[in-house]
Every structure is written in C-alpha cells, then in structure tokens.
Amino acid sequence: MSSSFEKLDFIIEKIEDIESFKVRYKSIEDLLNDVMGYDATLMSLLQIGETLNKLREEPFAEKLPIKGTYDVRNFIAHDYEGVNKMIIEDIIRTQLPKLKQIILDIKNY
C-alpha cells in the first residue's frame, strides 16, 4: 500500500502527463479531437479521481476537490460516450493547475 504522499506524487504525475499531451498538440481542442490523445487524457483524469478518493480520510483531505474529481471519474467510467469535451477542456485549463498547486502546497507544508 502506498503512502498518502506517494498517492499525491502519482496525481502530480498524471497531471504532468496531461500537460505533456497538451504540448504535443496545437491546442487542447486538437488534443481532445485525437482519439489517442482523448483516451489518454480521460484515463489520466479517471486515475486522478480514483486516487484522490483514496485520500478522503487524510487530515488534508478538506483542501482537495475529492468529490468533484471522483464525480468526473465516475462519469468517465460509466458514461464514456457521454463525456462533454467542453467540460474536459475546462478541467484541463483551470482545474488541473489549481489541483496541482494545492498538492504542491500540501507536500510543502
């Protein structure tokens, strides 16, 4: 079983994977319109949500958007065809940078 800090490191790794996917494409829209880019991005988001959910009992859990990310994870896992690309684009643009900063702050505490 990995420690909570290893789980946080894993989440950072998945966020950085998505950041690297963005670099390979001209835009987030191009990333999400490419089958492999889209699938890889959704899998990373699924893993982020699943891992964050495992941290819900940690003392720092109230600082993390666990419910929202787990809701995204569930939607991806159970309604893959119904995923709204505009929501995923917003997550990539605004929510992941915030999550990354929260985790870095927790780790530096």
Protein backbone atom coordinates (compact mmCIF):
# COMPACT_ATOMS: atom_id res chain seq x y z
CA MET A 1 0.00 0.00 0.00
CA SER A 2 1.41 3.34 -0.93
CA SER A 3 1.56 6.27 1.44
CA SER A 4 -0.61 9.34 1.05
CA PHE A 5 2.38 11.30 -0.24
CA GLU A 6 3.06 8.64 -2.86
CA LYS A 7 -0.56 8.98 -3.94
CA LEU A 8 -0.13 12.75 -4.18
CA ASP A 9 3.02 12.19 -6.26
CA PHE A 10 1.05 9.88 -8.55
CA ILE A 11 -1.63 12.54 -9.04
CA ILE A 12 1.04 15.11 -9.90
CA GLU A 13 2.48 12.60 -12.38
CA LYS A 14 -0.93 12.20 -14.06
CA ILE A 15 -1.42 15.98 -14.22
CA GLU A 16 2.03 16.30 -15.80
CA ASP A 17 1.12 13.55 -18.27
CA ILE A 18 -1.86 15.65 -19.39
CA GLU A 19 0.39 18.72 -19.56
CA SER A 20 2.75 16.77 -21.83
CA PHE A 21 -0.17 15.70 -24.02
CA LYS A 22 -1.06 19.39 -24.45
CA VAL A 23 2.46 20.13 -25.70
CA ARG A 24 2.12 17.51 -28.46
CA TYR A 25 -0.90 19.25 -29.98
CA LYS A 26 -1.53 22.77 -31.26
CA SER A 27 -4.46 23.22 -28.88
CA ILE A 28 -6.47 21.44 -26.22
CA GLU A 29 -9.22 21.11 -28.81
CA ASP A 30 -6.81 19.23 -31.11
CA LEU A 31 -5.78 17.02 -28.19
CA LEU A 32 -9.39 16.13 -27.41
CA ASN A 33 -10.24 15.53 -31.08
CA ASP A 34 -7.43 12.99 -31.47
CA VAL A 35 -8.56 9.50 -30.43
CA MET A 36 -5.37 8.56 -28.61
CA GLY A 37 -4.96 11.98 -27.02
CA TYR A 38 -8.57 11.96 -25.86
CA ASP A 39 -8.40 8.42 -24.47
CA ALA A 40 -5.10 9.08 -22.70
CA THR A 41 -6.45 12.30 -21.18
CA LEU A 42 -9.63 10.66 -19.93
CA MET A 43 -7.68 7.73 -18.49
CA SER A 44 -5.42 10.14 -16.62
CA LEU A 45 -8.45 12.03 -15.27
CA LEU A 46 -10.02 8.74 -14.21
CA GLN A 47 -6.83 7.80 -12.36
CA ILE A 48 -6.66 11.21 -10.68
CA GLY A 49 -10.23 10.87 -9.42
CA GLU A 50 -9.73 7.33 -8.20
CA THR A 51 -6.51 8.19 -6.37
CA LEU A 52 -7.91 11.35 -4.80
CA ASN A 53 -10.85 9.35 -3.48
CA LYS A 54 -8.40 7.09 -1.63
CA LEU A 55 -7.18 10.17 0.27
CA ARG A 56 -10.60 11.18 1.68
CA GLU A 57 -9.65 10.14 5.24
CA GLU A 58 -6.40 12.10 5.33
CA PRO A 59 -6.13 15.21 7.55
CA PHE A 60 -5.53 17.39 4.48
CA ALA A 61 -8.49 15.96 2.53
CA GLU A 62 -10.68 19.04 3.02
CA LYS A 63 -8.20 21.01 0.88
CA LEU A 64 -8.68 18.66 -2.07
CA PRO A 65 -11.59 18.65 -4.55
CA ILE A 66 -12.21 14.96 -3.92
CA LYS A 67 -15.95 14.83 -4.59
CA GLY A 68 -15.77 16.73 -7.87
CA THR A 69 -12.86 14.75 -9.25
CA TYR A 70 -14.44 11.47 -8.19
CA ASP A 71 -17.69 12.53 -9.86
CA VAL A 72 -15.72 13.15 -13.08
CA ARG A 73 -14.06 9.75 -12.67
CA ASN A 74 -17.46 8.06 -12.32
CA PHE A 75 -18.88 9.87 -15.32
CA ILE A 76 -15.91 8.86 -17.47
CA ALA A 77 -16.04 5.26 -16.27
CA HIS A 78 -19.80 4.82 -16.60
CA ASP A 79 -20.80 7.09 -19.49
CA TYR A 80 -17.69 7.32 -21.65
CA GLU A 81 -19.68 8.18 -24.77
CA GLY A 82 -21.49 10.98 -22.97
CA VAL A 83 -18.42 12.89 -21.80
CA ASN A 84 -18.68 16.58 -22.67
CA LYS A 85 -15.42 17.73 -24.25
CA MET A 86 -16.06 21.33 -23.19
CA ILE A 87 -16.10 20.24 -19.55
CA ILE A 88 -12.90 18.25 -20.03
CA GLU A 89 -11.29 21.28 -21.69
CA ASP A 90 -12.26 23.44 -18.70
CA ILE A 91 -10.82 20.85 -16.31
CA ILE A 92 -7.54 20.85 -18.23
CA ARG A 93 -7.35 24.66 -18.46
CA THR A 94 -8.48 25.68 -14.99
CA GLN A 95 -8.97 22.84 -12.54
CA LEU A 96 -5.80 20.79 -13.03
CA PRO A 97 -3.43 23.73 -12.46
CA LYS A 98 -5.33 24.54 -9.25
CA LEU A 99 -5.22 20.92 -8.11
CA LYS A 100 -1.51 20.70 -8.85
CA GLN A 101 -0.85 23.81 -6.76
CA ILE A 102 -2.95 22.51 -3.86
CA ILE A 103 -1.00 19.26 -3.84
CA LEU A 104 2.34 21.06 -4.00
CA ASP A 105 1.23 23.23 -1.08
CA ILE A 106 0.20 20.15 0.94
CA LYS A 107 3.53 18.45 0.23
CA ASN A 108 5.49 21.54 1.26
CA TYR A 109 3.51 22.00 4.48
